[in-house]
Each structure stands twice: as structure tokens, then as C-alpha cells.
């Protein structure tokens, strides 16, 4: 499981001009699910993300988690995180989980985040989305449950 996490002042997802998910200060999570991922990867990723100390105290140190700041979370499915660009000019997505299984894993991830965070929004799985965000910092991190 792979995630690109961005600390944001605000973020929202639009589909054909209609806002589908919107948050204020918190985390925008782009989530990719690999064909070898298991429930263990979901649990690891959820715990890692909600406890990452990537929000600043007044002194400027990154000491607070999204839980500590009572931040919000927007989760966007992004299978392209499994794009392999080493050969040729077109990415291969052979390591991404198939769409039906990935939807199940995506929904599990969302539900587990919702158990910990009071406001969680999502895009629409497999939809073409326009993602709008104001990256705070900027702070952008990449996590891989297999690394």
C-alpha cells in the first residue's frame, strides 16, 4: 500500500464541477493499493498516518499528529501510485490491485480512518477527479507499507 500525504490548509475534490469531498486543515491522502496488500497493510498505514507528527507547535517543531490538531482527512484513491515507469514511455500498472479488490481495501482503509478522525471525506473511487488543495508548508510525505 502506498500513500502520498500532504498537509493542507484546505482541499476538495470535484467531479464534473461538483464538489464531492471537502476538508479544512488536515491531511490529503492519495492512496494506492498493490496486488500483494493485505489487511495488515491497511492497519499499518492507518496507524502510521494518524500518528505521524507532521503538524507544528508554536516553536516550529513537527510534534503534533492529525489527531492532536483535530484535523480533517480527505482520501483519494490513486492506482497510479503503482505506475512503473522504468521501461518504455507508458507506465505499467501490473503491480496495482485489481479494481474490485482495491475498492474493498479502499473502503476498509476509509472506515478505519473514520474510527480515529471525526471528519473524513473521500473522492469517488475510479472517477476522473479534479483535486484542489492548499499545501501547508509545503509538507508532502510518501509512505509504502512494504518498505
N, C-alpha and C. Protein backbone atom coordinates (compact mmCIF):
# COMPACT_ATOMS: atom_id res chain seq x y z
N UNK A 1 0.85 -1.16 0.00
CA UNK A 1 0.00 0.00 0.00
C UNK A 1 0.90 1.23 0.00
N UNK A 2 0.56 2.18 -0.84
CA UNK A 2 1.35 3.40 -0.95
C UNK A 2 0.46 4.60 -0.72
N UNK A 3 1.04 5.61 -0.07
CA UNK A 3 0.29 6.83 0.17
C UNK A 3 1.19 8.03 -0.02
N UNK A 4 0.64 9.04 -0.64
CA UNK A 4 1.26 10.36 -0.69
C UNK A 4 0.38 11.21 0.23
N UNK A 5 1.01 11.79 1.25
CA UNK A 5 0.29 12.54 2.27
C UNK A 5 0.71 13.99 2.18
N UNK A 6 -0.27 14.86 2.09
CA UNK A 6 0.02 16.29 2.05
C UNK A 6 -0.71 16.98 3.19
N UNK A 7 0.05 17.77 3.95
CA UNK A 7 -0.56 18.59 4.99
C UNK A 7 -1.19 19.79 4.29
N UNK A 8 -2.48 20.00 4.53
CA UNK A 8 -3.19 21.04 3.79
C UNK A 8 -3.92 22.01 4.72
N UNK A 9 -4.08 23.23 4.21
CA UNK A 9 -4.94 24.21 4.87
C UNK A 9 -6.39 23.93 4.50
N UNK A 10 -6.56 23.43 3.27
CA UNK A 10 -7.88 23.04 2.77
C UNK A 10 -7.68 22.20 1.51
N UNK A 11 -8.69 21.39 1.22
CA UNK A 11 -8.64 20.58 0.00
C UNK A 11 -10.05 20.15 -0.35
N UNK A 12 -10.28 19.96 -1.65
CA UNK A 12 -11.54 19.39 -2.08
C UNK A 12 -11.37 18.69 -3.43
N UNK A 13 -12.33 17.82 -3.71
CA UNK A 13 -12.35 17.04 -4.94
C UNK A 13 -13.60 17.43 -5.71
N UNK A 14 -13.43 17.66 -7.01
CA UNK A 14 -14.56 17.95 -7.88
C UNK A 14 -14.66 16.88 -8.95
N UNK A 15 -15.90 16.53 -9.27
CA UNK A 15 -16.18 15.63 -10.38
C UNK A 15 -17.20 16.34 -11.26
N UNK A 16 -16.80 16.64 -12.48
CA UNK A 16 -17.63 17.38 -13.43
C UNK A 16 -18.19 18.65 -12.80
N UNK A 17 -17.32 19.38 -12.08
CA UNK A 17 -17.69 20.66 -11.49
C UNK A 17 -18.42 20.59 -10.17
N UNK A 18 -18.74 19.39 -9.70
CA UNK A 18 -19.46 19.23 -8.44
C UNK A 18 -18.49 18.77 -7.34
N UNK A 19 -18.50 19.46 -6.20
CA UNK A 19 -17.64 19.10 -5.08
C UNK A 19 -18.17 17.82 -4.43
N UNK A 20 -17.28 16.82 -4.31
CA UNK A 20 -17.66 15.53 -3.73
C UNK A 20 -17.08 15.31 -2.34
N UNK A 21 -15.98 15.92 -2.03
CA UNK A 21 -15.35 15.80 -0.73
C UNK A 21 -14.58 17.06 -0.44
N UNK A 22 -14.72 17.60 0.79
CA UNK A 22 -14.08 18.87 1.11
C UNK A 22 -13.67 18.87 2.57
N UNK A 23 -12.43 19.33 2.82
CA UNK A 23 -11.94 19.44 4.19
C UNK A 23 -11.26 20.79 4.41
N UNK A 24 -11.13 21.13 5.69
CA UNK A 24 -10.31 22.26 6.09
C UNK A 24 -8.92 21.75 6.43
N UNK A 25 -8.31 22.30 7.46
CA UNK A 25 -6.94 21.92 7.83
C UNK A 25 -6.86 20.44 8.17
N UNK A 26 -5.85 19.79 7.62
CA UNK A 26 -5.68 18.37 7.89
C UNK A 26 -4.77 17.71 6.88
N UNK A 27 -5.15 16.51 6.45
CA UNK A 27 -4.34 15.72 5.53
C UNK A 27 -5.12 15.33 4.29
N UNK A 28 -4.47 15.50 3.16
CA UNK A 28 -4.95 14.94 1.89
C UNK A 28 -4.12 13.69 1.65
N UNK A 29 -4.80 12.56 1.51
CA UNK A 29 -4.12 11.28 1.33
C UNK A 29 -4.47 10.71 -0.04
N UNK A 30 -3.45 10.55 -0.89
CA UNK A 30 -3.61 9.83 -2.14
C UNK A 30 -3.21 8.39 -1.84
N UNK A 31 -4.12 7.44 -2.05
CA UNK A 31 -3.89 6.06 -1.62
C UNK A 31 -3.88 5.11 -2.81
N UNK A 32 -2.77 4.37 -2.94
CA UNK A 32 -2.64 3.34 -3.95
C UNK A 32 -2.59 1.97 -3.28
N UNK A 33 -3.24 0.99 -3.89
CA UNK A 33 -3.31 -0.34 -3.30
C UNK A 33 -2.68 -1.34 -4.26
N UNK A 34 -1.69 -2.05 -3.73
CA UNK A 34 -0.96 -3.02 -4.54
C UNK A 34 -1.57 -4.40 -4.48
N UNK A 35 -1.28 -5.21 -5.51
CA UNK A 35 -1.90 -6.54 -5.60
C UNK A 35 -1.47 -7.48 -4.49
N UNK A 36 -0.37 -7.18 -3.80
CA UNK A 36 0.09 -8.03 -2.69
C UNK A 36 -0.35 -7.52 -1.33
N UNK A 37 -1.12 -6.43 -1.28
CA UNK A 37 -1.52 -5.85 0.01
C UNK A 37 -2.52 -6.74 0.74
N UNK A 38 -2.46 -6.65 2.08
CA UNK A 38 -3.34 -7.43 2.95
C UNK A 38 -3.96 -6.48 3.98
N UNK A 39 -4.79 -7.05 4.82
CA UNK A 39 -5.40 -6.29 5.91
C UNK A 39 -4.33 -5.69 6.83
N UNK A 40 -3.23 -6.40 6.96
CA UNK A 40 -2.12 -5.93 7.78
C UNK A 40 -1.57 -4.60 7.23
N UNK A 41 -1.51 -4.47 5.91
CA UNK A 41 -1.05 -3.23 5.29
C UNK A 41 -2.01 -2.08 5.59
N UNK A 42 -3.30 -2.38 5.56
CA UNK A 42 -4.31 -1.36 5.87
C UNK A 42 -4.10 -0.87 7.30
N UNK A 43 -3.99 -1.80 8.24
CA UNK A 43 -3.82 -1.43 9.66
C UNK A 43 -2.55 -0.62 9.87
N UNK A 44 -1.45 -1.06 9.27
CA UNK A 44 -0.18 -0.36 9.42
C UNK A 44 -0.29 1.06 8.89
N UNK A 45 -0.86 1.21 7.70
CA UNK A 45 -0.96 2.52 7.05
C UNK A 45 -1.84 3.47 7.86
N UNK A 46 -2.96 2.99 8.34
CA UNK A 46 -3.86 3.84 9.14
C UNK A 46 -3.14 4.33 10.39
N UNK A 47 -2.53 3.42 11.13
CA UNK A 47 -1.84 3.80 12.38
C UNK A 47 -0.69 4.76 12.11
N UNK A 48 0.06 4.50 11.06
CA UNK A 48 1.20 5.36 10.72
C UNK A 48 0.72 6.77 10.38
N UNK A 49 -0.29 6.87 9.55
CA UNK A 49 -0.75 8.18 9.09
C UNK A 49 -1.35 9.00 10.23
N UNK A 50 -2.25 8.42 11.00
CA UNK A 50 -2.92 9.23 12.03
C UNK A 50 -1.99 9.63 13.16
N UNK A 51 -0.88 8.93 13.30
CA UNK A 51 0.07 9.24 14.37
C UNK A 51 1.33 9.98 13.91
N UNK A 52 1.46 10.20 12.60
CA UNK A 52 2.62 10.95 12.10
C UNK A 52 2.63 12.36 12.68
N UNK A 53 3.74 12.74 13.23
CA UNK A 53 3.86 14.08 13.82
C UNK A 53 4.34 15.04 12.73
N UNK A 54 3.39 15.60 12.00
CA UNK A 54 3.74 16.47 10.87
C UNK A 54 3.08 17.84 10.96
N UNK A 55 2.48 18.13 12.12
CA UNK A 55 1.94 19.47 12.36
C UNK A 55 2.83 20.15 13.40
N UNK A 56 2.98 21.45 13.26
CA UNK A 56 3.93 22.20 14.09
C UNK A 56 3.29 22.74 15.36
N UNK A 57 4.11 22.74 16.40
CA UNK A 57 3.78 23.51 17.60
C UNK A 57 4.17 24.95 17.31
N UNK A 58 3.95 25.82 18.24
CA UNK A 58 4.29 27.23 18.05
C UNK A 58 5.78 27.43 17.79
N UNK A 59 6.62 26.58 18.35
CA UNK A 59 8.07 26.71 18.18
C UNK A 59 8.54 26.28 16.80
N UNK A 60 7.68 25.74 15.99
CA UNK A 60 8.05 25.34 14.65
C UNK A 60 8.47 23.89 14.50
N UNK A 61 8.51 23.14 15.59
CA UNK A 61 8.85 21.70 15.52
C UNK A 61 7.65 20.90 15.06
N UNK A 62 7.92 19.87 14.28
CA UNK A 62 6.85 18.96 13.87
C UNK A 62 6.62 17.96 15.00
N UNK A 63 5.70 18.30 15.88
CA UNK A 63 5.45 17.50 17.08
C UNK A 63 4.03 16.98 17.21
N UNK A 64 3.14 17.41 16.34
CA UNK A 64 1.73 17.08 16.52
C UNK A 64 1.21 16.25 15.35
N UNK A 65 0.31 15.33 15.66
CA UNK A 65 -0.32 14.50 14.63
C UNK A 65 -1.65 15.12 14.21
N UNK A 66 -2.26 14.55 13.19
CA UNK A 66 -3.59 15.00 12.77
C UNK A 66 -4.60 14.77 13.89
N UNK A 67 -4.37 13.75 14.71
CA UNK A 67 -5.23 13.53 15.88
C UNK A 67 -5.08 14.68 16.87
N UNK A 68 -3.83 15.08 17.13
CA UNK A 68 -3.55 16.14 18.11
C UNK A 68 -4.19 17.47 17.73
N UNK A 69 -4.18 17.78 16.44
CA UNK A 69 -4.71 19.08 15.99
C UNK A 69 -6.19 18.99 15.60
N UNK A 70 -6.79 17.81 15.80
CA UNK A 70 -8.18 17.56 15.43
C UNK A 70 -8.41 17.95 13.97
N UNK A 71 -7.46 17.51 13.13
CA UNK A 71 -7.53 17.80 11.71
C UNK A 71 -8.51 16.91 10.98
N UNK A 72 -8.77 17.29 9.75
CA UNK A 72 -9.68 16.56 8.89
C UNK A 72 -8.88 15.79 7.85
N UNK A 73 -9.51 14.82 7.21
CA UNK A 73 -8.81 13.97 6.24
C UNK A 73 -9.65 13.83 4.97
N UNK A 74 -8.99 14.01 3.83
CA UNK A 74 -9.58 13.74 2.52
C UNK A 74 -8.77 12.62 1.89
N UNK A 75 -9.44 11.52 1.51
CA UNK A 75 -8.76 10.36 0.94
C UNK A 75 -9.17 10.21 -0.52
N UNK A 76 -8.16 10.11 -1.39
CA UNK A 76 -8.40 9.99 -2.82
C UNK A 76 -7.70 8.72 -3.32
N UNK A 77 -8.46 7.83 -3.93
CA UNK A 77 -7.89 6.62 -4.50
C UNK A 77 -7.02 6.98 -5.69
N UNK A 78 -5.80 6.40 -5.75
CA UNK A 78 -4.90 6.72 -6.86
C UNK A 78 -4.04 5.51 -7.20
N UNK A 79 -4.56 4.68 -8.10
CA UNK A 79 -3.83 3.48 -8.51
C UNK A 79 -2.52 3.82 -9.22
N UNK A 80 -2.41 5.04 -9.74
CA UNK A 80 -1.20 5.42 -10.47
C UNK A 80 0.03 5.47 -9.57
N UNK A 81 -0.16 5.40 -8.25
CA UNK A 81 1.00 5.31 -7.35
C UNK A 81 1.75 4.00 -7.57
N UNK A 82 1.12 3.06 -8.25
CA UNK A 82 1.79 1.80 -8.60
C UNK A 82 2.27 1.79 -10.05
N UNK A 83 2.33 2.95 -10.66
CA UNK A 83 2.83 3.04 -12.02
C UNK A 83 4.33 2.80 -12.08
N UNK A 84 4.75 1.85 -12.88
CA UNK A 84 6.17 1.53 -13.07
C UNK A 84 6.62 2.18 -14.38
N UNK A 85 7.53 3.13 -14.27
CA UNK A 85 7.98 3.91 -15.43
C UNK A 85 9.39 3.55 -15.88
N UNK A 86 9.91 2.43 -15.43
CA UNK A 86 11.29 2.07 -15.74
C UNK A 86 11.49 1.68 -17.21
N UNK A 87 10.49 1.05 -17.81
CA UNK A 87 10.63 0.61 -19.20
C UNK A 87 9.68 1.39 -20.09
N UNK A 88 10.12 1.70 -21.24
CA UNK A 88 9.26 2.36 -22.22
C UNK A 88 8.82 3.74 -21.80
N UNK A 89 7.77 4.21 -22.44
CA UNK A 89 7.26 5.56 -22.18
C UNK A 89 5.88 5.57 -21.57
N UNK A 90 5.26 4.41 -21.50
CA UNK A 90 3.94 4.30 -20.89
C UNK A 90 4.08 3.53 -19.58
N UNK A 91 3.55 4.06 -18.48
CA UNK A 91 3.66 3.35 -17.20
C UNK A 91 2.93 2.00 -17.25
N UNK A 92 3.48 1.05 -16.55
CA UNK A 92 2.82 -0.24 -16.36
C UNK A 92 2.18 -0.23 -14.97
N UNK A 93 0.97 -0.73 -14.88
CA UNK A 93 0.26 -0.78 -13.60
C UNK A 93 0.04 -2.21 -13.15
N UNK A 94 0.93 -3.10 -13.55
CA UNK A 94 0.77 -4.52 -13.25
C UNK A 94 0.87 -4.84 -11.76
N UNK A 95 1.45 -3.94 -10.96
CA UNK A 95 1.56 -4.20 -9.52
C UNK A 95 0.38 -3.64 -8.73
N UNK A 96 -0.52 -2.92 -9.39
CA UNK A 96 -1.71 -2.39 -8.73
C UNK A 96 -2.73 -3.52 -8.55
N UNK A 97 -3.50 -3.43 -7.47
CA UNK A 97 -4.54 -4.42 -7.21
C UNK A 97 -5.68 -4.24 -8.22
N UNK A 98 -6.36 -5.33 -8.58
CA UNK A 98 -7.49 -5.23 -9.49
C UNK A 98 -8.58 -4.35 -8.87
N UNK A 99 -9.38 -3.71 -9.72
CA UNK A 99 -10.31 -2.68 -9.27
C UNK A 99 -11.34 -3.17 -8.25
N UNK A 100 -11.84 -4.38 -8.39
CA UNK A 100 -12.86 -4.86 -7.46
C UNK A 100 -12.28 -5.10 -6.06
N UNK A 101 -11.12 -5.73 -6.00
CA UNK A 101 -10.47 -5.95 -4.71
C UNK A 101 -9.98 -4.64 -4.11
N UNK A 102 -9.45 -3.77 -4.96
CA UNK A 102 -8.94 -2.47 -4.47
C UNK A 102 -10.06 -1.66 -3.84
N UNK A 103 -11.26 -1.71 -4.39
CA UNK A 103 -12.39 -0.99 -3.82
C UNK A 103 -12.67 -1.47 -2.40
N UNK A 104 -12.61 -2.76 -2.18
CA UNK A 104 -12.82 -3.33 -0.84
C UNK A 104 -11.75 -2.81 0.12
N UNK A 105 -10.49 -2.84 -0.31
CA UNK A 105 -9.40 -2.36 0.54
C UNK A 105 -9.50 -0.85 0.79
N UNK A 106 -9.86 -0.09 -0.23
CA UNK A 106 -10.04 1.35 -0.08
C UNK A 106 -11.12 1.64 0.96
N UNK A 107 -12.25 0.95 0.86
CA UNK A 107 -13.35 1.16 1.81
C UNK A 107 -12.94 0.79 3.23
N UNK A 108 -12.17 -0.29 3.39
CA UNK A 108 -11.67 -0.67 4.72
C UNK A 108 -10.77 0.41 5.29
N UNK A 109 -9.88 0.92 4.45
CA UNK A 109 -8.98 2.00 4.89
C UNK A 109 -9.79 3.20 5.36
N UNK A 110 -10.77 3.60 4.58
CA UNK A 110 -11.61 4.76 4.93
C UNK A 110 -12.32 4.51 6.25
N UNK A 111 -12.91 3.34 6.42
CA UNK A 111 -13.64 3.03 7.65
C UNK A 111 -12.71 3.06 8.87
N UNK A 112 -11.51 2.56 8.72
CA UNK A 112 -10.57 2.54 9.85
C UNK A 112 -10.08 3.95 10.18
N UNK A 113 -9.91 4.79 9.18
CA UNK A 113 -9.56 6.19 9.45
C UNK A 113 -10.72 6.88 10.17
N UNK A 114 -11.95 6.59 9.74
CA UNK A 114 -13.13 7.19 10.36
C UNK A 114 -13.27 6.82 11.83
N UNK A 115 -12.73 5.68 12.22
CA UNK A 115 -12.77 5.29 13.64
C UNK A 115 -11.90 6.20 14.49
N UNK A 116 -10.96 6.92 13.85
CA UNK A 116 -10.00 7.73 14.60
C UNK A 116 -10.14 9.23 14.37
N UNK A 117 -10.65 9.61 13.22
CA UNK A 117 -10.73 11.02 12.83
C UNK A 117 -12.21 11.40 12.70
N UNK A 118 -12.59 12.56 13.24
CA UNK A 118 -14.01 12.92 13.25
C UNK A 118 -14.55 13.31 11.87
N UNK A 119 -13.76 13.99 11.05
CA UNK A 119 -14.25 14.35 9.71
C UNK A 119 -13.34 13.74 8.66
N UNK A 120 -13.92 12.80 7.90
CA UNK A 120 -13.20 12.13 6.81
C UNK A 120 -14.07 12.22 5.57
N UNK A 121 -13.48 12.71 4.49
CA UNK A 121 -14.16 12.81 3.21
C UNK A 121 -13.36 11.99 2.19
N UNK A 122 -14.02 11.65 1.08
CA UNK A 122 -13.33 10.91 0.02
C UNK A 122 -13.72 11.49 -1.33
N UNK A 123 -12.92 11.12 -2.32
CA UNK A 123 -13.32 11.33 -3.70
C UNK A 123 -14.25 10.19 -4.05
N UNK A 124 -14.40 9.91 -5.34
CA UNK A 124 -15.23 8.80 -5.81
C UNK A 124 -14.30 7.78 -6.45
N UNK A 125 -14.33 6.57 -5.95
CA UNK A 125 -13.44 5.52 -6.43
C UNK A 125 -13.58 5.34 -7.93
N UNK A 126 -12.46 5.35 -8.64
CA UNK A 126 -12.33 5.16 -10.09
C UNK A 126 -12.87 6.31 -10.93
N UNK A 127 -13.27 7.39 -10.32
CA UNK A 127 -13.77 8.53 -11.09
C UNK A 127 -12.61 9.42 -11.52
N UNK A 128 -12.82 10.17 -12.59
CA UNK A 128 -11.87 11.19 -13.01
C UNK A 128 -12.15 12.41 -12.15
N UNK A 129 -11.18 12.83 -11.34
CA UNK A 129 -11.39 13.88 -10.36
C UNK A 129 -10.42 15.03 -10.57
N UNK A 130 -10.88 16.21 -10.21
CA UNK A 130 -10.02 17.38 -10.10
C UNK A 130 -9.80 17.61 -8.62
N UNK A 131 -8.54 17.56 -8.19
CA UNK A 131 -8.21 17.72 -6.78
C UNK A 131 -7.63 19.11 -6.58
N UNK A 132 -8.22 19.85 -5.66
CA UNK A 132 -7.78 21.21 -5.35
C UNK A 132 -7.26 21.21 -3.92
N UNK A 133 -6.09 21.83 -3.71
CA UNK A 133 -5.54 21.86 -2.36
C UNK A 133 -4.66 23.08 -2.15
N UNK A 134 -4.55 23.43 -0.89
CA UNK A 134 -3.57 24.42 -0.47
C UNK A 134 -2.64 23.67 0.47
N UNK A 135 -1.45 23.33 -0.04
CA UNK A 135 -0.47 22.56 0.73
C UNK A 135 0.15 23.49 1.75
N UNK A 136 0.08 23.09 3.02
CA UNK A 136 0.61 23.91 4.10
C UNK A 136 2.05 23.51 4.39
N UNK A 137 2.95 24.43 4.19
CA UNK A 137 4.37 24.18 4.48
C UNK A 137 5.29 24.53 3.33
N UNK A 138 5.34 23.80 2.27
CA UNK A 138 4.60 22.57 1.99
C UNK A 138 5.17 21.37 2.76
N UNK A 139 4.29 20.48 3.12
CA UNK A 139 4.69 19.21 3.73
C UNK A 139 4.05 18.11 2.90
N UNK A 140 4.88 17.28 2.28
CA UNK A 140 4.44 16.15 1.48
C UNK A 140 5.32 14.95 1.82
N UNK A 141 4.69 13.84 2.16
CA UNK A 141 5.42 12.63 2.53
C UNK A 141 4.92 11.45 1.73
N UNK A 142 5.80 10.47 1.54
CA UNK A 142 5.44 9.25 0.82
C UNK A 142 5.63 8.07 1.77
N UNK A 143 4.61 7.22 1.87
CA UNK A 143 4.70 6.02 2.69
C UNK A 143 4.45 4.79 1.83
N UNK A 144 5.15 3.71 2.15
CA UNK A 144 4.94 2.44 1.48
C UNK A 144 4.94 1.37 2.56
N UNK A 145 3.85 0.65 2.68
CA UNK A 145 3.73 -0.34 3.75
C UNK A 145 4.71 -1.51 3.59
N UNK A 146 5.26 -1.67 2.41
CA UNK A 146 6.20 -2.78 2.18
C UNK A 146 7.65 -2.35 2.39
N UNK A 147 7.89 -1.07 2.54
CA UNK A 147 9.28 -0.58 2.64
C UNK A 147 9.90 -0.84 3.99
